[in-house]
Amino acid sequence: MEHIQTVKIHDIEYDTTYTAHIKQNCDGWIGWIKEHPKVKCEDTTKEALLKNLEQTLFETLDADWEAWDKQIEEDIKAGKLDQLRDEALEDLRVGRCTDL
């Protein structure tokens, strides 16, 4: 049976913790982030793998945020959020909003 270890990786910027699953694989190590299936790495040592996983995770998160930002900008330009904006303004106009 394979021995899979778990290691927590904390993203300080968004105060989110991810779980790295790692195991020794022949002469090296392999690992993945279960919460982010795109993040899978291999390396020669456990320490190098953990560093590689963390770097790959943060690069992937940044790329995902950039793609999300681009998509929402395109949706705004295409008018896909106009109805939501109009509903929110109407709620404000008739007093259905509460100050936070």
C-alpha atoms as a PDB file:
ATOM      1  CA  MET A   1       0.000   0.000   0.000  1.00  0.00           C
ATOM      2  CA  GLU A   2       1.306   3.450  -0.912  1.00  0.00           C
ATOM      3  CA  HIS A   3       2.074   5.823   1.915  1.00  0.00           C
ATOM      4  CA  ILE A   4       0.670   9.244   1.022  1.00  0.00           C
ATOM      5  CA  GLN A   5       1.611  12.141   3.264  1.00  0.00           C
ATOM      6  CA  THR A   6      -0.286  15.400   3.521  1.00  0.00           C
ATOM      7  CA  VAL A   7       1.282  18.813   3.978  1.00  0.00           C
ATOM      8  CA  LYS A   8      -0.581  22.090   4.392  1.00  0.00           C
ATOM      9  CA  ILE A   9       0.291  25.045   2.139  1.00  0.00           C
ATOM     10  CA  HIS A  10      -1.071  28.378   3.336  1.00  0.00           C
ATOM     11  CA  ASP A  11      -1.816  31.250   0.967  1.00  0.00           C
ATOM     12  CA  ILE A  12      -1.287  34.339   3.133  1.00  0.00           C
ATOM     13  CA  GLU A  13      -2.746  36.732   0.544  1.00  0.00           C
ATOM     14  CA  TYR A  14      -6.178  35.070   0.555  1.00  0.00           C
ATOM     15  CA  ASP A  15      -5.907  33.336   3.960  1.00  0.00           C
ATOM     16  CA  THR A  16      -6.603  29.949   2.379  1.00  0.00           C
ATOM     17  CA  THR A  17      -4.978  26.637   3.212  1.00  0.00           C
ATOM     18  CA  TYR A  18      -4.470  23.928   0.597  1.00  0.00           C
ATOM     19  CA  THR A  19      -3.501  20.301   1.192  1.00  0.00           C
ATOM     20  CA  ALA A  20      -0.579  18.846  -0.716  1.00  0.00           C
ATOM     21  CA  HIS A  21      -0.634  15.064  -1.085  1.00  0.00           C
ATOM     22  CA  ILE A  22       2.855  13.681  -1.595  1.00  0.00           C
ATOM     23  CA  LYS A  23       4.460  10.280  -1.884  1.00  0.00           C
ATOM     24  CA  GLN A  24       7.803   8.799  -2.723  1.00  0.00           C
ATOM     25  CA  ASN A  25       7.900   7.372  -6.229  1.00  0.00           C
ATOM     26  CA  CYS A  26      10.910   5.164  -7.012  1.00  0.00           C
ATOM     27  CA  ASP A  27      13.868   7.578  -6.898  1.00  0.00           C
ATOM     28  CA  GLY A  28      11.849  10.759  -6.516  1.00  0.00           C
ATOM     29  CA  TRP A  29       8.687  12.315  -5.153  1.00  0.00           C
ATOM     30  CA  ILE A  30       5.324  13.143  -6.688  1.00  0.00           C
ATOM     31  CA  GLY A  31       2.642  15.424  -5.328  1.00  0.00           C
ATOM     32  CA  TRP A  32      -0.634  17.116  -6.081  1.00  0.00           C
ATOM     33  CA  ILE A  33      -3.068  19.605  -4.599  1.00  0.00           C
ATOM     34  CA  LYS A  34      -6.480  17.980  -4.230  1.00  0.00           C
ATOM     35  CA  GLU A  35      -8.321  21.323  -4.110  1.00  0.00           C
ATOM     36  CA  HIS A  36      -6.662  22.362  -7.376  1.00  0.00           C
ATOM     37  CA  PRO A  37      -6.404  19.374  -9.762  1.00  0.00           C
ATOM     38  CA  LYS A  38      -4.233  21.285 -12.265  1.00  0.00           C
ATOM     39  CA  VAL A  39      -1.378  21.329  -9.735  1.00  0.00           C
ATOM     40  CA  LYS A  40       0.719  18.153 -10.033  1.00  0.00           C
ATOM     41  CA  CYS A  41       4.499  18.014  -9.692  1.00  0.00           C
ATOM     42  CA  GLU A  42       7.460  15.649  -9.525  1.00  0.00           C
ATOM     43  CA  ASP A  43      10.900  16.265  -8.070  1.00  0.00           C
ATOM     44  CA  THR A  44      13.958  14.470  -6.772  1.00  0.00           C
ATOM     45  CA  THR A  45      13.597  15.349  -3.087  1.00  0.00           C
ATOM     46  CA  LYS A  46      10.687  15.931  -0.750  1.00  0.00           C
ATOM     47  CA  GLU A  47      11.855  19.476   0.001  1.00  0.00           C
ATOM     48  CA  ALA A  48      12.210  20.354  -3.683  1.00  0.00           C
ATOM     49  CA  LEU A  49       8.786  18.858  -4.411  1.00  0.00           C
ATOM     50  CA  LEU A  50       7.105  20.931  -1.698  1.00  0.00           C
ATOM     51  CA  LYS A  51       8.758  24.107  -2.982  1.00  0.00           C
ATOM     52  CA  ASN A  52       7.738  23.218  -6.546  1.00  0.00           C
ATOM     53  CA  LEU A  53       4.139  22.441  -5.495  1.00  0.00           C
ATOM     54  CA  GLU A  54       3.825  25.744  -3.650  1.00  0.00           C
ATOM     55  CA  GLN A  55       5.229  27.745  -6.569  1.00  0.00           C
ATOM     56  CA  THR A  56       3.052  25.905  -9.101  1.00  0.00           C
ATOM     57  CA  LEU A  57      -0.039  26.371  -6.914  1.00  0.00           C
ATOM     58  CA  PHE A  58       0.497  30.123  -6.584  1.00  0.00           C
ATOM     59  CA  GLU A  59       1.245  30.509 -10.318  1.00  0.00           C
ATOM     60  CA  THR A  60      -1.927  28.549 -11.138  1.00  0.00           C
ATOM     61  CA  LEU A  61      -4.019  30.619  -8.738  1.00  0.00           C
ATOM     62  CA  ASP A  62      -2.675  33.833 -10.281  1.00  0.00           C
ATOM     63  CA  ALA A  63      -3.421  32.562 -13.797  1.00  0.00           C
ATOM     64  CA  ASP A  64      -6.949  31.579 -12.756  1.00  0.00           C
ATOM     65  CA  TRP A  65      -7.573  35.033 -11.234  1.00  0.00           C
ATOM     66  CA  GLU A  66      -6.270  36.739 -14.372  1.00  0.00           C
ATOM     67  CA  ALA A  67      -8.550  34.586 -16.539  1.00  0.00           C
ATOM     68  CA  TRP A  68     -11.504  35.363 -14.242  1.00  0.00           C
ATOM     69  CA  ASP A  69     -10.765  39.102 -14.397  1.00  0.00           C
ATOM     70  CA  LYS A  70     -10.560  38.976 -18.190  1.00  0.00           C
ATOM     71  CA  GLN A  71     -13.823  37.026 -18.422  1.00  0.00           C
ATOM     72  CA  ILE A  72     -15.750  39.383 -16.140  1.00  0.00           C
ATOM     73  CA  GLU A  73     -14.461  42.399 -18.091  1.00  0.00           C
ATOM     74  CA  GLU A  74     -15.680  40.783 -21.307  1.00  0.00           C
ATOM     75  CA  ASP A  75     -19.050  39.980 -19.710  1.00  0.00           C
ATOM     76  CA  ILE A  76     -19.433  43.579 -18.513  1.00  0.00           C
ATOM     77  CA  LYS A  77     -18.589  44.958 -21.975  1.00  0.00           C
ATOM     78  CA  ALA A  78     -21.065  42.517 -23.545  1.00  0.00           C
ATOM     79  CA  GLY A  79     -23.819  43.685 -21.177  1.00  0.00           C
ATOM     80  CA  LYS A  80     -24.233  40.305 -19.499  1.00  0.00           C
ATOM     81  CA  LEU A  81     -24.358  41.919 -16.047  1.00  0.00           C
ATOM     82  CA  ASP A  82     -26.651  44.812 -16.925  1.00  0.00           C
ATOM     83  CA  GLN A  83     -29.751  43.079 -15.570  1.00  0.00           C
ATOM     84  CA  LEU A  84     -28.081  42.411 -12.218  1.00  0.00           C
ATOM     85  CA  ARG A  85     -26.954  46.037 -12.018  1.00  0.00           C
ATOM     86  CA  ASP A  86     -30.454  47.263 -12.836  1.00  0.00           C
ATOM     87  CA  GLU A  87     -32.009  44.980 -10.198  1.00  0.00           C
ATOM     88  CA  ALA A  88     -29.556  46.186  -7.561  1.00  0.00           C
ATOM     89  CA  LEU A  89     -30.226  49.835  -8.408  1.00  0.00           C
ATOM     90  CA  GLU A  90     -33.986  49.221  -8.235  1.00  0.00           C
ATOM     91  CA  ASP A  91     -33.598  47.525  -4.827  1.00  0.00           C
ATOM     92  CA  LEU A  92     -31.646  50.547  -3.638  1.00  0.00           C
ATOM     93  CA  ARG A  93     -34.203  52.972  -5.048  1.00  0.00           C
ATOM     94  CA  VAL A  94     -37.157  51.321  -3.274  1.00  0.00           C
ATOM     95  CA  GLY A  95     -35.327  50.806   0.032  1.00  0.00           C
ATOM     96  CA  ARG A  96     -34.713  47.051  -0.030  1.00  0.00           C
ATOM     97  CA  CYS A  97     -31.014  47.502   0.865  1.00  0.00           C
ATOM     98  CA  THR A  98     -29.388  47.588   4.257  1.00  0.00           C
ATOM     99  CA  ASP A  99     -26.169  49.418   5.073  1.00  0.00           C
ATOM    100  CA  LEU A 100     -23.420  47.055   6.118  1.00  0.00           C
END
